[in-house]
Amino acid sequence: MSSYLYSAVRTPFGRFNGALAGVRPDDLAAGVISALLDRAPGLDPAAIDEVVWGNANGAGEENRNVGRMAALLAGLPTSVPGTTVNRLCGSSLDAAMTGSRTIETGDAGIVLAGGVESMTRAPWVLPKPAKGFPAGNVTAVSTTLGWRLVNPRMPKEWTVSLGEANELLQERYGIGRERQDAFALRSHRLAAAAWDAGFYDDLVAPAGDLKRDEGIRADTSLEKLAKLKPSFRQDGTITAGNASPLSDGAAALLLGSEAAAERIGLDPLARIAGRGAFALDPQDFGYAPVEAANRALARAGIGWDRVGAVELNEAFAVQSLVCVDAWGIDPEIVNTRGGAIALGHPLGASGARVLGTLMKVLRERRERWGVAAICIGVGQGLAVVLENVEAGA
């Protein structure tokens, strides 16, 4: 049995402390679930067999199984079960992979998958003291991004910051500042052009007053990017301009078997043809999509020579470039409608974004095969191969 992608929608992605700062993550998730159901008016919500939702934080308002909470807030019947998965930046792609497997085993016919993150509203946390009434000071730790409350048994080289890990990556593969900035500029220009051309109109549902991704800088230039100071090393190459920003947002996907089309009331758009996961040393996480995608392609039974579109989440320009180089593919098929450097990277939502975007790019360009891939902190990567149903017919 095969699994299919029937529909995809996301919120616009907001800047840190931006237009979505006042919206709880569970409300963001509920809103995008409602928007997805609006796109399938013939679907009885009670027919959904499972909600599988991604979230990377889980420490604040999205605690206690935000997938189930969002489903209830969206008005789904209480009979529809829901779960939340956490694979950090890959959480919603993991949710889609889990949902597709559930369908392919016959355990479900229709699955609603997706993810959410409010990096703005991520709380500070305090470690619980071993004894009551400690005499010393206690430091609040931000849960917005990266390692926190690290186990001292972890090797120091594993727990470097995400930025430092990518500085190590650029040293190893010789990806200089100029090339990273050029990649970032392309991301902003393509994202702005895609919005202006209406590409995102049916992929994005407004969230409050926000109707367009808030982080796109259509007026940036190589000169402006070159003036930005390094963020992680005094003499480093990674800046706020060539790395993805902190973001808020949610994304949702409607998955189903081929037989579920009548109940859903829509035709399937793409077949999930292959899945891949890979892990390596935590500090090398930016390189992990390379083998994840290779494994997904092998399971789909095709090679890179047949791939017409790639959506690779741009956590950092350097790790994206390293992956593209390793695959040996034409860079012009990658992120043709912009990527996370411009659009934003709300951790738990990004995997669903890249998969939904890939689906539309394949159909728009009449390509048959595409790859969605994402790097994940602590040394992991995920990838999914989609087959455009129209092109494969």
Protein backbone atom coordinates (compact mmCIF):
# COMPACT_ATOMS: atom_id res chain seq x y z
CA MET A 1 0.00 0.00 0.00
CA SER A 2 1.19 3.53 -0.77
CA SER A 3 0.62 6.79 1.08
CA TYR A 4 -0.18 10.11 -0.57
CA LEU A 5 -0.08 13.81 0.13
CA TYR A 6 -3.48 15.37 -0.51
CA SER A 7 -3.09 18.93 0.74
CA ALA A 8 -0.66 21.25 2.49
CA VAL A 9 -0.98 24.63 4.18
CA ARG A 10 1.05 26.72 6.59
CA THR A 11 0.90 30.02 8.37
CA PRO A 12 3.14 32.85 7.28
CA PHE A 13 6.31 32.60 9.31
CA GLY A 14 6.79 35.46 11.75
CA ARG A 15 9.99 37.04 12.98
CA PHE A 16 11.19 36.59 16.55
CA ASN A 17 9.17 39.10 18.61
CA GLY A 18 7.25 39.90 15.44
CA ALA A 19 3.64 39.73 14.29
CA LEU A 20 2.97 36.28 15.77
CA ALA A 21 4.61 36.94 19.13
CA GLY A 22 1.23 37.27 20.83
CA VAL A 23 -0.12 33.95 19.54
CA ARG A 24 0.25 30.81 21.62
CA PRO A 25 1.80 27.86 19.77
CA ASP A 26 -1.21 25.64 20.42
CA ASP A 27 -3.41 28.32 18.84
CA LEU A 28 -1.06 28.59 15.86
CA ALA A 29 -1.33 24.83 15.44
CA ALA A 30 -5.11 24.81 15.83
CA GLY A 31 -5.43 27.58 13.26
CA VAL A 32 -3.45 25.78 10.61
CA ILE A 33 -5.37 22.54 11.24
CA SER A 34 -8.60 24.46 10.66
CA ALA A 35 -7.17 25.97 7.48
CA LEU A 36 -6.23 22.52 6.21
CA LEU A 37 -9.72 21.18 6.87
CA ASP A 38 -11.20 24.19 5.05
CA ARG A 39 -9.32 22.98 1.97
CA ALA A 40 -11.05 19.59 2.18
CA PRO A 41 -14.72 20.55 2.78
CA GLY A 42 -15.91 17.07 1.87
CA LEU A 43 -13.89 15.43 4.63
CA ASP A 44 -15.72 14.49 7.81
CA PRO A 45 -13.19 15.32 10.57
CA ALA A 46 -14.32 12.21 12.43
CA ALA A 47 -12.82 10.16 9.57
CA ILE A 48 -9.29 11.28 10.49
CA ASP A 49 -7.60 8.29 12.05
CA GLU A 50 -4.67 10.06 13.67
CA VAL A 51 -3.06 13.45 14.24
CA VAL A 52 0.76 13.30 14.30
CA TRP A 53 2.30 16.64 15.19
CA GLY A 54 5.86 17.92 15.49
CA ASN A 55 7.33 20.30 18.04
CA ALA A 56 10.92 20.86 19.10
CA ASN A 57 10.53 22.67 22.40
CA GLY A 58 7.76 21.25 24.54
CA ALA A 59 8.76 23.37 27.50
CA GLY A 60 6.10 26.07 27.40
CA GLU A 61 2.55 26.56 26.14
CA GLU A 62 3.00 23.67 23.70
CA ASN A 63 3.59 21.20 26.54
CA ARG A 64 1.49 18.13 27.29
CA ASN A 65 1.11 16.82 23.73
CA VAL A 66 0.45 19.89 21.58
CA GLY A 67 -0.78 17.66 18.74
CA ARG A 68 -3.72 16.49 20.80
CA MET A 69 -4.31 19.95 22.26
CA ALA A 70 -4.32 21.59 18.83
CA ALA A 71 -6.74 19.01 17.45
CA LEU A 72 -9.15 19.71 20.29
CA LEU A 73 -8.77 23.48 19.94
CA ALA A 74 -9.45 23.17 16.20
CA GLY A 75 -12.74 21.47 16.95
CA LEU A 76 -11.89 17.95 15.84
CA PRO A 77 -14.03 15.30 17.53
CA THR A 78 -12.62 14.03 20.77
CA SER A 79 -12.56 10.58 19.16
CA VAL A 80 -9.63 11.61 16.90
CA PRO A 81 -6.39 10.63 18.67
CA GLY A 82 -3.28 12.79 18.54
CA THR A 83 0.39 12.50 19.36
CA THR A 84 3.42 14.80 19.34
CA VAL A 85 6.85 13.81 18.06
CA ASN A 86 10.12 15.60 18.73
CA ARG A 87 13.07 15.28 16.38
CA LEU A 88 14.06 18.93 16.85
CA CYS A 89 14.21 20.73 13.46
CA GLY A 90 12.93 17.60 11.72
CA SER A 91 9.88 17.13 13.93
CA SER A 92 7.14 17.79 11.38
CA LEU A 93 8.94 15.89 8.62
CA ASP A 94 9.22 13.04 11.11
CA ALA A 95 5.49 13.43 11.77
CA ALA A 96 4.77 13.10 8.05
CA MET A 97 7.04 10.06 7.79
CA THR A 98 5.34 8.46 10.79
CA GLY A 99 1.92 9.22 9.34
CA SER A 100 2.84 7.76 5.97
CA ARG A 101 4.13 4.56 7.56
CA THR A 102 0.93 4.25 9.57
CA ILE A 103 -1.07 4.45 6.36
CA GLU A 104 1.17 2.00 4.51
CA THR A 105 0.81 -0.60 7.25
CA GLY A 106 -2.97 -0.31 7.04
CA ASP A 107 -3.33 1.04 10.56
CA ALA A 108 -4.83 4.30 9.26
CA GLY A 109 -6.47 5.61 6.12
CA ILE A 110 -6.25 9.35 6.80
CA VAL A 111 -3.61 11.13 8.90
CA LEU A 112 -3.24 14.81 9.66
CA ALA A 113 0.44 15.64 10.15
CA GLY A 114 2.35 18.85 10.76
CA GLY A 115 4.14 20.90 13.35
CA VAL A 116 4.42 24.17 15.22
CA GLU A 117 6.99 26.35 16.94
CA SER A 118 6.86 29.68 18.70
CA MET A 119 10.49 30.52 19.31
CA THR A 120 9.40 33.92 20.62
CA ARG A 121 7.27 32.40 23.37
CA ALA A 122 9.72 29.63 24.34
CA PRO A 123 10.10 30.00 28.11
CA TRP A 124 13.09 30.32 30.39
CA VAL A 125 13.46 27.33 32.69
CA LEU A 126 15.08 26.83 36.06
CA PRO A 127 16.69 23.54 37.10
CA LYS A 128 14.97 22.07 40.12
CA PRO A 129 17.35 22.19 43.13
CA ALA A 130 18.41 18.94 44.72
CA LYS A 131 17.36 20.36 48.11
CA GLY A 132 14.76 22.87 49.12
CA PHE A 133 15.67 26.53 49.75
CA PRO A 134 19.06 26.72 47.99
CA ALA A 135 21.29 29.49 49.32
CA GLY A 136 22.91 30.50 46.03
CA ASN A 137 21.64 32.09 42.85
CA VAL A 138 19.88 30.07 40.17
CA THR A 139 20.21 30.94 36.48
CA ALA A 140 17.21 30.86 34.15
CA VAL A 141 17.99 29.09 30.87
CA SER A 142 16.39 30.06 27.54
CA THR A 143 14.71 27.21 25.67
CA THR A 144 14.48 29.11 22.38
CA LEU A 145 17.29 27.28 20.59
CA GLY A 146 20.17 24.89 21.15
CA TRP A 147 21.53 22.94 24.08
CA ARG A 148 20.25 23.59 27.58
CA LEU A 149 20.84 21.91 30.96
CA VAL A 150 23.55 19.79 29.33
CA ASN A 151 24.53 16.52 30.95
CA PRO A 152 28.19 16.95 32.00
CA ARG A 153 28.96 13.45 30.73
CA MET A 154 28.44 14.66 27.15
CA PRO A 155 31.76 15.16 25.29
CA LYS A 156 32.51 18.87 24.87
CA GLU A 157 32.94 18.56 21.10
CA TRP A 158 29.36 17.32 20.81
CA THR A 159 27.80 20.25 22.64
CA VAL A 160 29.24 23.21 20.74
CA SER A 161 26.68 25.78 19.58
CA LEU A 162 24.88 25.20 16.30
CA GLY A 163 26.76 28.14 14.83
CA GLU A 164 30.16 26.89 15.93
CA ALA A 165 29.31 23.46 14.51
CA ASN A 166 28.72 25.09 11.15
CA GLU A 167 31.91 27.11 11.36
CA LEU A 168 33.68 23.78 11.77
CA LEU A 169 31.79 22.53 8.72
CA GLN A 170 32.86 25.47 6.56
CA GLU A 171 36.46 24.96 7.60
CA ARG A 172 36.33 21.30 6.60
CA TYR A 173 34.71 21.88 3.21
CA GLY A 174 36.09 25.30 2.32
CA ILE A 175 32.79 27.19 2.02
CA GLY A 176 33.78 30.86 2.34
CA ARG A 177 31.81 33.90 3.49
CA GLU A 178 31.25 35.20 -0.04
CA ARG A 179 29.63 31.98 -1.22
CA GLN A 180 27.44 31.81 1.87
CA ASP A 181 26.26 35.39 1.40
CA ALA A 182 25.49 34.77 -2.28
CA PHE A 183 23.39 31.75 -1.30
CA ALA A 184 21.51 33.85 1.26
CA LEU A 185 20.86 36.61 -1.26
CA ARG A 186 19.42 34.07 -3.70
CA SER A 187 17.09 32.79 -0.97
CA HIS A 188 15.66 36.26 -0.31
CA ARG A 189 15.29 37.12 -3.98
CA LEU A 190 13.59 33.85 -4.88
CA ALA A 191 11.26 34.03 -1.87
CA ALA A 192 10.21 37.59 -2.69
CA ALA A 193 9.69 36.72 -6.36
CA ALA A 194 7.64 33.64 -5.44
CA TRP A 195 5.33 35.68 -3.21
CA ASP A 196 4.97 38.38 -5.87
CA ALA A 197 4.11 35.73 -8.49
CA GLY A 198 1.41 34.20 -6.27
CA PHE A 199 3.19 30.90 -5.69
CA TYR A 200 2.44 30.91 -1.95
CA ASP A 201 -1.13 32.16 -2.17
CA ASP A 202 -2.71 28.72 -1.80
CA LEU A 203 0.02 27.27 0.42
CA VAL A 204 -0.25 29.91 3.14
CA ALA A 205 -3.26 30.82 5.29
CA PRO A 206 -3.14 34.16 7.13
CA ALA A 207 -2.51 34.09 10.88
CA GLY A 208 -4.15 37.11 12.44
CA ASP A 209 -2.99 40.17 10.52
CA LEU A 210 0.08 38.44 9.11
CA LYS A 211 -0.41 37.38 5.50
CA ARG A 212 3.17 37.05 4.22
CA ASP A 213 6.43 35.66 5.62
CA GLU A 214 7.86 38.39 7.80
CA GLY A 215 11.58 37.75 7.40
CA ILE A 216 12.01 38.22 3.65
CA ARG A 217 14.34 41.09 2.79
CA ALA A 218 13.71 41.80 -0.85
CA ASP A 219 16.00 44.84 -0.76
CA THR A 220 19.09 43.11 0.61
CA SER A 221 22.31 42.92 -1.39
CA LEU A 222 25.74 41.36 -1.27
CA GLU A 223 27.07 44.67 -0.02
CA LYS A 224 24.61 44.76 2.88
CA LEU A 225 25.23 41.13 3.76
CA ALA A 226 28.99 41.66 3.70
CA LYS A 227 28.72 44.39 6.36
CA LEU A 228 27.18 42.06 8.96
CA LYS A 229 29.45 40.96 11.78
CA PRO A 230 30.16 37.26 12.39
CA SER A 231 27.82 35.80 14.99
CA PHE A 232 29.83 32.96 16.50
CA ARG A 233 33.53 33.71 15.98
CA GLN A 234 35.32 37.03 15.81
CA ASP A 235 36.85 35.98 12.49
CA GLY A 236 34.02 33.66 11.48
CA THR A 237 31.94 33.43 8.31
CA ILE A 238 28.44 32.86 9.69
CA THR A 239 26.27 35.94 10.27
CA ALA A 240 22.65 36.76 10.94
CA GLY A 241 22.35 37.25 7.17
CA ASN A 242 23.46 33.81 5.99
CA ALA A 243 21.74 31.74 8.69
CA SER A 244 18.04 31.10 9.26
CA PRO A 245 16.35 33.43 11.77
CA LEU A 246 14.43 32.58 14.92
CA SER A 247 10.80 32.28 13.82
CA ASP A 248 7.21 31.48 14.77
CA GLY A 249 4.77 29.45 12.67
CA ALA A 250 2.89 26.24 11.95
CA ALA A 251 2.36 23.93 8.97
CA ALA A 252 -0.03 21.05 8.27
CA LEU A 253 -0.30 18.18 5.78
CA LEU A 254 -3.19 15.89 4.88
CA LEU A 255 -2.03 12.34 4.17
CA GLY A 256 -4.06 9.38 3.07
CA SER A 257 -4.18 6.09 1.24
CA GLU A 258 -5.27 5.99 -2.38
CA ALA A 259 -8.57 4.46 -1.27
CA ALA A 260 -9.20 7.41 1.07
CA ALA A 261 -9.64 9.86 -1.82
CA GLU A 262 -13.41 9.50 -1.83
CA ARG A 263 -13.68 10.19 1.91
CA ILE A 264 -11.27 13.10 1.69
CA GLY A 265 -13.05 14.56 -1.33
CA LEU A 266 -9.78 15.43 -3.09
CA ASP A 267 -7.45 13.77 -5.55
CA PRO A 268 -3.99 12.81 -4.27
CA LEU A 269 -1.23 15.17 -5.37
CA ALA A 270 1.99 13.28 -4.63
CA ARG A 271 3.03 9.81 -3.51
CA ILE A 272 5.47 9.39 -0.65
CA ALA A 273 7.93 7.18 -2.47
CA GLY A 274 10.88 6.94 -0.09
CA ARG A 275 12.00 7.92 3.39
CA GLY A 276 15.46 8.17 4.88
CA ALA A 277 17.06 8.94 8.25
CA PHE A 278 20.73 9.24 9.11
CA ALA A 279 22.80 10.11 12.16
CA LEU A 280 26.43 11.04 12.80
CA ASP A 281 28.51 12.98 15.34
CA PRO A 282 26.33 15.72 16.89
CA GLN A 283 28.58 18.60 15.78
CA ASP A 284 28.35 17.39 12.15
CA PHE A 285 24.56 17.65 12.01
CA GLY A 286 24.61 19.98 9.00
CA TYR A 287 25.97 17.20 6.80
CA ALA A 288 23.43 14.58 7.89
CA PRO A 289 20.87 15.27 5.09
CA VAL A 290 23.40 13.98 2.54
CA GLU A 291 23.04 10.33 3.46
CA ALA A 292 19.41 10.68 4.60
CA ALA A 293 18.46 11.76 1.06
CA ASN A 294 20.63 9.09 -0.54
CA ARG A 295 18.82 6.46 1.53
CA ALA A 296 15.40 7.86 0.69
CA LEU A 297 16.23 7.77 -3.03
CA ALA A 298 17.47 4.19 -2.77
CA ARG A 299 14.19 3.18 -1.14
CA ALA A 300 12.28 4.96 -3.90
CA GLY A 301 14.31 3.04 -6.45
CA ILE A 302 15.71 6.07 -8.27
CA GLY A 303 18.94 8.08 -8.42
CA TRP A 304 19.79 11.78 -8.31
CA ASP A 305 19.77 11.91 -12.10
CA ARG A 306 15.97 11.64 -12.04
CA VAL A 307 15.33 14.30 -9.39
CA GLY A 308 13.82 17.51 -10.75
CA ALA A 309 13.37 19.53 -7.55
CA VAL A 310 14.89 19.67 -4.08
CA GLU A 311 13.61 21.46 -1.00
CA LEU A 312 16.43 21.57 1.55
CA ASN A 313 15.81 23.45 4.76
CA GLU A 314 18.35 26.26 4.98
CA ALA A 315 19.38 26.15 8.62
CA PHE A 316 22.66 27.76 7.57
CA ALA A 317 23.90 28.65 4.11
CA VAL A 318 27.09 26.69 4.70
CA GLN A 319 25.40 23.39 5.53
CA SER A 320 23.04 23.76 2.58
CA LEU A 321 25.95 24.33 0.21
CA VAL A 322 27.88 21.40 1.63
CA CYS A 323 24.88 19.11 1.03
CA VAL A 324 24.29 20.34 -2.52
CA ASP A 325 27.98 19.87 -3.32
CA ALA A 326 27.98 16.35 -1.89
CA TRP A 327 24.94 15.34 -3.93
CA GLY A 328 26.55 16.68 -7.10
CA ILE A 329 23.27 18.16 -8.34
CA ASP A 330 22.44 21.33 -10.24
CA PRO A 331 22.06 24.06 -7.57
CA GLU A 332 19.34 25.68 -9.66
CA ILE A 333 16.84 22.92 -8.79
CA VAL A 334 17.27 23.59 -5.06
CA ASN A 335 14.85 25.87 -3.16
CA THR A 336 13.57 27.57 -6.28
CA ARG A 337 10.97 29.49 -4.27
CA GLY A 338 13.31 30.60 -1.50
CA GLY A 339 14.31 28.83 1.66
CA ALA A 340 14.48 29.17 5.41
CA ILE A 341 17.12 31.91 5.39
CA ALA A 342 14.44 34.16 3.91
CA LEU A 343 11.17 32.48 4.85
CA GLY A 344 12.06 31.59 8.44
CA HIS A 345 12.69 28.42 10.41
CA PRO A 346 10.15 27.76 13.18
CA LEU A 347 11.77 24.50 14.18
CA GLY A 348 8.81 22.17 14.58
CA ALA A 349 7.05 23.45 11.45
CA SER A 350 9.88 23.51 8.89
CA GLY A 351 9.73 19.88 7.79
CA ALA A 352 6.07 20.15 6.82
CA ARG A 353 6.84 23.41 5.03
CA VAL A 354 9.53 21.90 2.82
CA LEU A 355 7.34 18.89 1.98
CA GLY A 356 4.32 21.01 1.07
CA THR A 357 6.46 23.38 -0.99
CA LEU A 358 8.10 20.48 -2.81
CA MET A 359 4.71 19.07 -3.73
CA LYS A 360 3.66 22.33 -5.37
CA VAL A 361 7.01 22.91 -7.11
CA LEU A 362 6.83 19.44 -8.67
CA ARG A 363 3.36 20.06 -10.00
CA GLU A 364 4.10 23.59 -11.19
CA ARG A 365 7.25 22.50 -13.03
CA ARG A 366 5.75 19.18 -14.16
CA GLU A 367 8.61 17.24 -12.63
CA ARG A 368 8.06 13.69 -11.50
CA TRP A 369 10.53 13.24 -8.63
CA GLY A 370 11.58 15.51 -5.79
CA VAL A 371 13.48 15.36 -2.49
CA ALA A 372 12.65 17.18 0.76
CA ALA A 373 15.47 17.13 3.32
CA ILE A 374 16.36 18.73 6.63
CA CYS A 375 19.28 18.78 9.05
CA ILE A 376 18.63 18.25 12.73
CA GLY A 377 20.59 19.28 15.80
CA VAL A 378 22.48 16.60 17.75
CA GLY A 379 23.63 14.97 14.52
CA GLN A 380 20.65 13.80 12.47
CA GLY A 381 19.02 14.30 9.09
CA LEU A 382 15.74 13.27 7.47
CA ALA A 383 14.58 13.11 3.86
CA VAL A 384 11.47 12.19 1.88
CA VAL A 385 11.13 11.45 -1.83
CA LEU A 386 7.89 12.58 -3.47
CA GLU A 387 6.49 11.39 -6.77
CA ASN A 388 4.21 13.84 -8.56
CA VAL A 389 1.05 11.83 -9.28
CA GLU A 390 0.33 13.76 -12.49
CA ALA A 391 3.83 13.30 -13.90
CA GLY A 392 3.94 9.65 -12.88
CA ALA A 393 0.66 8.73 -14.52
